[in-house]
Amino acid sequence: MPDMQDSSQAPTPMPARRGAQVAVALTVLGVLIAAAALARDVFDWKVGPGRPAASASTPETEPAAPSRANPGPDTSTSPVPARSVRLDTLAVEAGAAYLGKLPRQLAGQPEYDRPVVIGCPTNAGADKQRDVTYRLQRRYLDLTSTVRPFFSSDDERDGIVLVYAQVAIRQKDGTITRVTRGQQFDARMDNPQKLVADLEGADELTLRVQCKYPGGSVILTDAMVSAG
């Protein structure tokens, strides 16, 4: 009888080999999953929390311009207007005795509001002119005023008055220089005249009055000095 093969020497069953392949496949899959997780963590760290993904483009936003309802601060430079004060508010250094009141005939007239009234000289002896001096202390730039003479007599109403604006400037050595910087001519009751003078750098202002006839008044209206 022919020899029978021993069943104990048969080849290794197929399921055992398949199990080893499955284990290797699972190991490889685990490595891939771990690598994917690591790549995701690195990507998220680079992008940062709260920022859009790299594929999305976000345009940069420029600051909004100030609206008309809420304008921004004005950085433009505009000239500052000069501050003006009335001449009659300045301290009188000399000649206060020559200052008088507005003649009663002119009281209440709007053009004579806050006037500076200087009496005319007698034109006798040394009384040919009257000076009234104001303290400036180099604070002012200009003088503006209107000269309005007044004579009560009908025969003198056409009398001419002259007003000079003289400034005193103290030099470094203590000496004082006096310069006439403004004057007006031919002011009459029916023909008032403007008086303008440069006061820049002046320590004092002297208004010198001369009149054709005595007994009248020289009235300065709207007398203002401007400060820088």
C-alpha atoms as a PDB file:
ATOM      1  CA  MET A   1       0.000   0.000   0.000  1.00  0.00           C
ATOM      2  CA  PRO A   2       1.333   3.396  -0.753  1.00  0.00           C
ATOM      3  CA  ASP A   3       2.612   5.612   2.125  1.00  0.00           C
ATOM      4  CA  MET A   4       0.165   8.155   3.457  1.00  0.00           C
ATOM      5  CA  GLN A   5       1.455  11.801   4.154  1.00  0.00           C
ATOM      6  CA  ASP A   6       1.613  12.874   7.823  1.00  0.00           C
ATOM      7  CA  SER A   7      -0.972  15.564   8.451  1.00  0.00           C
ATOM      8  CA  SER A   8       1.203  17.073  11.196  1.00  0.00           C
ATOM      9  CA  GLN A   9       3.701  18.396   8.630  1.00  0.00           C
ATOM     10  CA  ALA A  10       1.093  20.550   6.670  1.00  0.00           C
ATOM     11  CA  PRO A  11       1.989  24.269   5.792  1.00  0.00           C
ATOM     12  CA  THR A  12       1.155  27.207   8.210  1.00  0.00           C
ATOM     13  CA  PRO A  13      -2.518  28.191   7.919  1.00  0.00           C
ATOM     14  CA  MET A  14      -3.347  31.416   5.899  1.00  0.00           C
ATOM     15  CA  PRO A  15      -5.217  33.268   8.703  1.00  0.00           C
ATOM     16  CA  ALA A  16      -2.032  33.704  10.763  1.00  0.00           C
ATOM     17  CA  ARG A  17      -0.244  35.440   7.862  1.00  0.00           C
ATOM     18  CA  ARG A  18      -3.208  37.734   7.250  1.00  0.00           C
ATOM     19  CA  GLY A  19      -3.256  38.725  10.906  1.00  0.00           C
ATOM     20  CA  ALA A  20       0.345  39.883  10.703  1.00  0.00           C
ATOM     21  CA  GLN A  21      -0.427  41.963   7.615  1.00  0.00           C
ATOM     22  CA  VAL A  22      -3.394  43.585   9.338  1.00  0.00           C
ATOM     23  CA  ALA A  23      -1.200  44.495  12.341  1.00  0.00           C
ATOM     24  CA  VAL A  24       1.379  46.099  10.078  1.00  0.00           C
ATOM     25  CA  ALA A  25      -1.348  48.032   8.241  1.00  0.00           C
ATOM     26  CA  LEU A  26      -2.804  49.294  11.519  1.00  0.00           C
ATOM     27  CA  THR A  27       0.632  50.422  12.670  1.00  0.00           C
ATOM     28  CA  VAL A  28       1.198  52.345   9.436  1.00  0.00           C
ATOM     29  CA  LEU A  29      -2.278  53.899   9.684  1.00  0.00           C
ATOM     30  CA  GLY A  30      -1.579  55.032  13.243  1.00  0.00           C
ATOM     31  CA  VAL A  31       1.650  56.663  12.167  1.00  0.00           C
ATOM     32  CA  LEU A  32      -0.174  58.501   9.349  1.00  0.00           C
ATOM     33  CA  ILE A  33      -2.915  59.691  11.720  1.00  0.00           C
ATOM     34  CA  ALA A  34      -0.308  60.938  14.208  1.00  0.00           C
ATOM     35  CA  ALA A  35       1.573  62.747  11.446  1.00  0.00           C
ATOM     36  CA  ALA A  36      -1.658  64.378  10.225  1.00  0.00           C
ATOM     37  CA  ALA A  37      -2.506  65.540  13.750  1.00  0.00           C
ATOM     38  CA  LEU A  38       0.987  66.992  14.199  1.00  0.00           C
ATOM     39  CA  ALA A  39       0.763  68.814  10.856  1.00  0.00           C
ATOM     40  CA  ARG A  40      -2.635  70.260  11.867  1.00  0.00           C
ATOM     41  CA  ASP A  41      -1.276  71.494  15.200  1.00  0.00           C
ATOM     42  CA  VAL A  42       1.724  73.121  13.517  1.00  0.00           C
ATOM     43  CA  PHE A  43      -0.499  74.747  10.899  1.00  0.00           C
ATOM     44  CA  ASP A  44      -2.891  76.119  13.517  1.00  0.00           C
ATOM     45  CA  TRP A  45       0.032  77.489  15.547  1.00  0.00           C
ATOM     46  CA  LYS A  46       1.430  79.343  12.540  1.00  0.00           C
ATOM     47  CA  VAL A  47      -1.934  80.783  11.525  1.00  0.00           C
ATOM     48  CA  GLY A  48      -2.773  81.779  15.088  1.00  0.00           C
ATOM     49  CA  PRO A  49      -6.155  81.902  16.845  1.00  0.00           C
ATOM     50  CA  GLY A  50      -8.836  84.176  15.484  1.00  0.00           C
ATOM     51  CA  ARG A  51      -7.072  84.863  12.146  1.00  0.00           C
ATOM     52  CA  PRO A  52      -8.523  83.854   8.775  1.00  0.00           C
ATOM     53  CA  ALA A  53      -7.107  80.864   6.925  1.00  0.00           C
ATOM     54  CA  ALA A  54      -4.302  81.397   4.475  1.00  0.00           C
ATOM     55  CA  SER A  55      -6.630  80.824   1.531  1.00  0.00           C
ATOM     56  CA  ALA A  56      -8.905  83.711   2.536  1.00  0.00           C
ATOM     57  CA  SER A  57      -7.629  87.207   1.668  1.00  0.00           C
ATOM     58  CA  THR A  58      -8.694  90.093   3.931  1.00  0.00           C
ATOM     59  CA  PRO A  59      -8.176  93.617   2.526  1.00  0.00           C
ATOM     60  CA  GLU A  60      -6.484  96.100   4.832  1.00  0.00           C
ATOM     61  CA  THR A  61      -8.835  98.701   6.287  1.00  0.00           C
ATOM     62  CA  GLU A  62      -7.802 102.369   6.185  1.00  0.00           C
ATOM     63  CA  PRO A  63      -8.730 104.728   9.052  1.00  0.00           C
ATOM     64  CA  ALA A  64     -12.071 106.388   8.451  1.00  0.00           C
ATOM     65  CA  ALA A  65     -11.961 110.080   7.612  1.00  0.00           C
ATOM     66  CA  PRO A  66     -13.570 112.450  10.149  1.00  0.00           C
ATOM     67  CA  SER A  67     -17.233 112.963   9.418  1.00  0.00           C
ATOM     68  CA  ARG A  68     -18.902 116.363   9.241  1.00  0.00           C
ATOM     69  CA  ALA A  69     -20.888 115.519  12.360  1.00  0.00           C
ATOM     70  CA  ASN A  70     -17.745 114.670  14.320  1.00  0.00           C
ATOM     71  CA  PRO A  71     -14.818 116.461  12.662  1.00  0.00           C
ATOM     72  CA  GLY A  72     -11.272 115.800  13.757  1.00  0.00           C
ATOM     73  CA  PRO A  73      -9.026 118.434  15.296  1.00  0.00           C
ATOM     74  CA  ASP A  74      -8.306 121.421  13.072  1.00  0.00           C
ATOM     75  CA  THR A  75      -4.560 121.578  12.506  1.00  0.00           C
ATOM     76  CA  SER A  76      -4.705 124.444  10.014  1.00  0.00           C
ATOM     77  CA  THR A  77      -3.050 127.674  11.024  1.00  0.00           C
ATOM     78  CA  SER A  78      -5.033 130.867  10.726  1.00  0.00           C
ATOM     79  CA  PRO A  79      -3.960 134.354  11.716  1.00  0.00           C
ATOM     80  CA  VAL A  80      -5.092 135.409  15.158  1.00  0.00           C
ATOM     81  CA  PRO A  81      -6.803 138.764  15.108  1.00  0.00           C
ATOM     82  CA  ALA A  82      -5.114 141.524  17.092  1.00  0.00           C
ATOM     83  CA  ARG A  83      -6.710 142.391  20.431  1.00  0.00           C
ATOM     84  CA  SER A  84      -7.808 146.027  20.692  1.00  0.00           C
ATOM     85  CA  VAL A  85      -8.541 148.132  23.754  1.00  0.00           C
ATOM     86  CA  ARG A  86      -9.936 151.609  24.110  1.00  0.00           C
ATOM     87  CA  LEU A  87      -7.494 154.449  24.549  1.00  0.00           C
ATOM     88  CA  ASP A  88      -9.359 155.764  27.576  1.00  0.00           C
ATOM     89  CA  THR A  89      -8.549 152.574  29.502  1.00  0.00           C
ATOM     90  CA  LEU A  90      -4.781 153.236  29.436  1.00  0.00           C
ATOM     91  CA  ALA A  91      -2.993 154.921  32.329  1.00  0.00           C
ATOM     92  CA  VAL A  92      -2.370 158.654  31.828  1.00  0.00           C
ATOM     93  CA  GLU A  93       1.243 159.566  32.556  1.00  0.00           C
ATOM     94  CA  ALA A  94       0.952 163.340  32.094  1.00  0.00           C
ATOM     95  CA  GLY A  95      -1.559 165.964  30.987  1.00  0.00           C
ATOM     96  CA  ALA A  96      -4.595 164.546  32.768  1.00  0.00           C
ATOM     97  CA  ALA A  97      -5.642 168.104  33.633  1.00  0.00           C
ATOM     98  CA  TYR A  98      -6.216 168.787  29.932  1.00  0.00           C
ATOM     99  CA  LEU A  99      -8.784 166.007  29.632  1.00  0.00           C
ATOM    100  CA  GLY A 100     -12.385 167.176  29.831  1.00  0.00           C
ATOM    101  CA  LYS A 101     -15.973 166.026  29.453  1.00  0.00           C
ATOM    102  CA  LEU A 102     -17.992 165.752  26.287  1.00  0.00           C
ATOM    103  CA  PRO A 103     -19.794 169.061  25.577  1.00  0.00           C
ATOM    104  CA  ARG A 104     -23.417 168.920  26.606  1.00  0.00           C
ATOM    105  CA  GLN A 105     -24.595 169.717  23.062  1.00  0.00           C
ATOM    106  CA  LEU A 106     -23.110 166.378  21.876  1.00  0.00           C
ATOM    107  CA  ALA A 107     -24.346 164.149  24.699  1.00  0.00           C
ATOM    108  CA  GLY A 108     -26.280 161.083  23.587  1.00  0.00           C
ATOM    109  CA  GLN A 109     -25.066 161.079  20.000  1.00  0.00           C
ATOM    110  CA  PRO A 110     -23.899 157.545  19.073  1.00  0.00           C
ATOM    111  CA  GLU A 111     -20.737 158.661  17.259  1.00  0.00           C
ATOM    112  CA  TYR A 112     -19.472 160.195  20.492  1.00  0.00           C
ATOM    113  CA  ASP A 113     -19.547 157.013  22.560  1.00  0.00           C
ATOM    114  CA  ARG A 114     -16.540 156.719  24.931  1.00  0.00           C
ATOM    115  CA  PRO A 115     -14.758 159.849  23.633  1.00  0.00           C
ATOM    116  CA  VAL A 116     -11.363 161.246  24.634  1.00  0.00           C
ATOM    117  CA  VAL A 117     -11.835 164.997  25.013  1.00  0.00           C
ATOM    118  CA  ILE A 118      -8.814 167.354  25.112  1.00  0.00           C
ATOM    119  CA  GLY A 119      -9.379 171.061  25.662  1.00  0.00           C
ATOM    120  CA  CYS A 120      -7.887 173.511  23.182  1.00  0.00           C
ATOM    121  CA  PRO A 121      -5.000 175.732  24.395  1.00  0.00           C
ATOM    122  CA  THR A 122      -5.599 179.429  25.029  1.00  0.00           C
ATOM    123  CA  ASN A 123      -2.988 180.323  22.383  1.00  0.00           C
ATOM    124  CA  ALA A 124      -1.659 182.920  24.848  1.00  0.00           C
ATOM    125  CA  GLY A 125       1.935 182.994  26.100  1.00  0.00           C
ATOM    126  CA  ALA A 126       3.410 179.494  26.286  1.00  0.00           C
ATOM    127  CA  ASP A 127      -0.002 177.793  26.080  1.00  0.00           C
ATOM    128  CA  LYS A 128       0.168 177.064  22.360  1.00  0.00           C
ATOM    129  CA  GLN A 129      -0.407 173.307  22.563  1.00  0.00           C
ATOM    130  CA  ARG A 130      -1.718 170.681  24.963  1.00  0.00           C
ATOM    131  CA  ASP A 131      -0.057 167.289  25.508  1.00  0.00           C
ATOM    132  CA  VAL A 132      -1.660 164.184  27.019  1.00  0.00           C
ATOM    133  CA  THR A 133       0.668 161.213  27.545  1.00  0.00           C
ATOM    134  CA  TYR A 134      -0.365 157.550  27.934  1.00  0.00           C
ATOM    135  CA  ARG A 135       1.704 154.635  29.205  1.00  0.00           C
ATOM    136  CA  LEU A 136       2.203 151.901  26.576  1.00  0.00           C
ATOM    137  CA  GLN A 137       5.106 149.771  27.894  1.00  0.00           C
ATOM    138  CA  ARG A 138       5.652 148.383  24.363  1.00  0.00           C
ATOM    139  CA  ARG A 139       2.426 146.399  24.498  1.00  0.00           C
ATOM    140  CA  TYR A 140       0.642 147.954  21.542  1.00  0.00           C
ATOM    141  CA  LEU A 141       1.074 148.152  17.784  1.00  0.00           C
ATOM    142  CA  ASP A 142      -1.264 150.792  16.357  1.00  0.00           C
ATOM    143  CA  LEU A 143      -3.520 153.713  17.231  1.00  0.00           C
ATOM    144  CA  THR A 144      -6.687 154.484  15.280  1.00  0.00           C
ATOM    145  CA  SER A 145      -9.165 157.262  15.952  1.00  0.00           C
ATOM    146  CA  THR A 146     -11.359 159.968  14.413  1.00  0.00           C
ATOM    147  CA  VAL A 147     -10.630 163.605  15.260  1.00  0.00           C
ATOM    148  CA  ARG A 148     -13.806 165.697  15.715  1.00  0.00           C
ATOM    149  CA  PRO A 149     -13.330 169.363  16.723  1.00  0.00           C
ATOM    150  CA  PHE A 150     -16.041 171.241  18.596  1.00  0.00           C
ATOM    151  CA  PHE A 151     -16.503 174.991  19.007  1.00  0.00           C
ATOM    152  CA  SER A 152     -19.582 176.455  20.635  1.00  0.00           C
ATOM    153  CA  SER A 153     -19.293 179.850  18.915  1.00  0.00           C
ATOM    154  CA  ASP A 154     -20.764 180.188  15.446  1.00  0.00           C
ATOM    155  CA  ASP A 155     -17.814 182.333  14.414  1.00  0.00           C
ATOM    156  CA  GLU A 156     -15.343 179.562  15.304  1.00  0.00           C
ATOM    157  CA  ARG A 157     -17.130 176.489  13.916  1.00  0.00           C
ATOM    158  CA  ASP A 158     -14.842 176.434  10.887  1.00  0.00           C
ATOM    159  CA  GLY A 159     -11.764 176.459  13.137  1.00  0.00           C
ATOM    160  CA  ILE A 160      -9.110 173.909  12.228  1.00  0.00           C
ATOM    161  CA  VAL A 161      -7.438 171.655  14.805  1.00  0.00           C
ATOM    162  CA  LEU A 162      -4.272 169.563  14.517  1.00  0.00           C
ATOM    163  CA  VAL A 163      -3.456 166.396  16.459  1.00  0.00           C
ATOM    164  CA  TYR A 164      -0.003 164.764  16.473  1.00  0.00           C
ATOM    165  CA  ALA A 165       0.751 161.270  17.759  1.00  0.00           C
ATOM    166  CA  GLN A 166       4.250 161.261  19.240  1.00  0.00           C
ATOM    167  CA  VAL A 167       5.901 158.161  20.753  1.00  0.00           C
ATOM    168  CA  ALA A 168       8.707 157.911  23.298  1.00  0.00           C
ATOM    169  CA  ILE A 169      11.183 155.013  23.052  1.00  0.00           C
ATOM    170  CA  ARG A 170      13.625 154.308  25.857  1.00  0.00           C
ATOM    171  CA  GLN A 171      17.039 153.251  24.550  1.00  0.00           C
ATOM    172  CA  LYS A 172      19.405 150.765  26.191  1.00  0.00           C
ATOM    173  CA  ASP A 173      21.591 153.552  27.548  1.00  0.00           C
ATOM    174  CA  GLY A 174      18.596 155.117  29.295  1.00  0.00           C
ATOM    175  CA  THR A 175      18.067 157.990  26.875  1.00  0.00           C
ATOM    176  CA  ILE A 176      14.590 158.611  25.428  1.00  0.00           C
ATOM    177  CA  THR A 177      13.918 159.159  21.736  1.00  0.00           C
ATOM    178  CA  ARG A 178      10.710 160.970  20.753  1.00  0.00           C
ATOM    179  CA  VAL A 179       9.323 160.485  17.254  1.00  0.00           C
ATOM    180  CA  THR A 180       6.122 161.729  15.594  1.00  0.00           C
ATOM    181  CA  ARG A 181       4.449 158.744  13.966  1.00  0.00           C
ATOM    182  CA  GLY A 182       1.031 160.112  13.106  1.00  0.00           C
ATOM    183  CA  GLN A 183      -0.733 163.373  12.457  1.00  0.00           C
ATOM    184  CA  GLN A 184      -3.897 164.750  10.912  1.00  0.00           C
ATOM    185  CA  PHE A 185      -4.537 168.026   9.184  1.00  0.00           C
ATOM    186  CA  ASP A 186      -7.536 170.282   8.568  1.00  0.00           C
ATOM    187  CA  ALA A 187     -10.049 168.625  10.868  1.00  0.00           C
ATOM    188  CA  ARG A 188     -13.136 170.821  11.288  1.00  0.00           C
ATOM    189  CA  MET A 189     -16.526 170.366  12.850  1.00  0.00           C
ATOM    190  CA  ASP A 190     -18.027 169.617   9.441  1.00  0.00           C
ATOM    191  CA  ASN A 191     -15.006 167.605   8.278  1.00  0.00           C
ATOM    192  CA  PRO A 192     -13.703 165.017  10.827  1.00  0.00           C
ATOM    193  CA  GLN A 193     -10.391 163.342   9.980  1.00  0.00           C
ATOM    194  CA  LYS A 194      -8.779 159.978  10.745  1.00  0.00           C
ATOM    195  CA  LEU A 195      -5.720 159.702  12.965  1.00  0.00           C
ATOM    196  CA  VAL A 196      -3.503 156.620  12.608  1.00  0.00           C
ATOM    197  CA  ALA A 197      -0.143 155.990  14.274  1.00  0.00           C
ATOM    198  CA  ASP A 198       2.397 153.187  14.574  1.00  0.00           C
ATOM    199  CA  LEU A 199       2.999 152.358  18.268  1.00  0.00           C
ATOM    200  CA  GLU A 200       5.281 149.337  17.914  1.00  0.00           C
ATOM    201  CA  GLY A 201       8.150 149.396  20.416  1.00  0.00           C
ATOM    202  CA  ALA A 202       6.907 152.585  22.097  1.00  0.00           C
ATOM    203  CA  ASP A 203       6.986 153.094  25.854  1.00  0.00           C
ATOM    204  CA  GLU A 204       4.681 156.134  25.789  1.00  0.00           C
ATOM    205  CA  LEU A 205       2.190 157.829  23.485  1.00  0.00           C
ATOM    206  CA  THR A 206       1.696 161.605  23.561  1.00  0.00           C
ATOM    207  CA  LEU A 207      -1.270 163.257  21.833  1.00  0.00           C
ATOM    208  CA  ARG A 208      -0.362 166.871  21.044  1.00  0.00           C
ATOM    209  CA  VAL A 209      -3.273 169.203  20.254  1.00  0.00           C
ATOM    210  CA  GLN A 210      -3.190 172.589  18.513  1.00  0.00           C
ATOM    211  CA  CYS A 211      -6.283 174.676  17.761  1.00  0.00           C
ATOM    212  CA  LYS A 212      -6.887 177.708  15.567  1.00  0.00           C
ATOM    213  CA  TYR A 213      -9.206 179.192  18.199  1.00  0.00           C
ATOM    214  CA  PRO A 214      -9.212 178.851  21.997  1.00  0.00           C
ATOM    215  CA  GLY A 215     -12.156 177.660  24.006  1.00  0.00           C
ATOM    216  CA  GLY A 216     -12.923 174.644  21.837  1.00  0.00           C
ATOM    217  CA  SER A 217     -12.421 170.906  22.290  1.00  0.00           C
ATOM    218  CA  VAL A 218     -10.660 168.235  20.314  1.00  0.00           C
ATOM    219  CA  ILE A 219     -12.681 165.024  20.562  1.00  0.00           C
ATOM    220  CA  LEU A 220     -11.222 161.638  19.626  1.00  0.00           C
ATOM    221  CA  THR A 221     -13.913 159.073  18.937  1.00  0.00           C
ATOM    222  CA  ASP A 222     -13.426 155.332  18.410  1.00  0.00           C
ATOM    223  CA  ALA A 223      -9.932 155.763  19.856  1.00  0.00           C
ATOM    224  CA  MET A 224      -8.415 152.258  19.996  1.00  0.00           C
ATOM    225  CA  VAL A 225      -4.964 150.754  20.413  1.00  0.00           C
ATOM    226  CA  SER A 226      -4.243 147.259  19.103  1.00  0.00           C
ATOM    227  CA  ALA A 227      -2.079 144.732  20.889  1.00  0.00           C
ATOM    228  CA  GLY A 228      -0.145 141.927  19.160  1.00  0.00           C
END
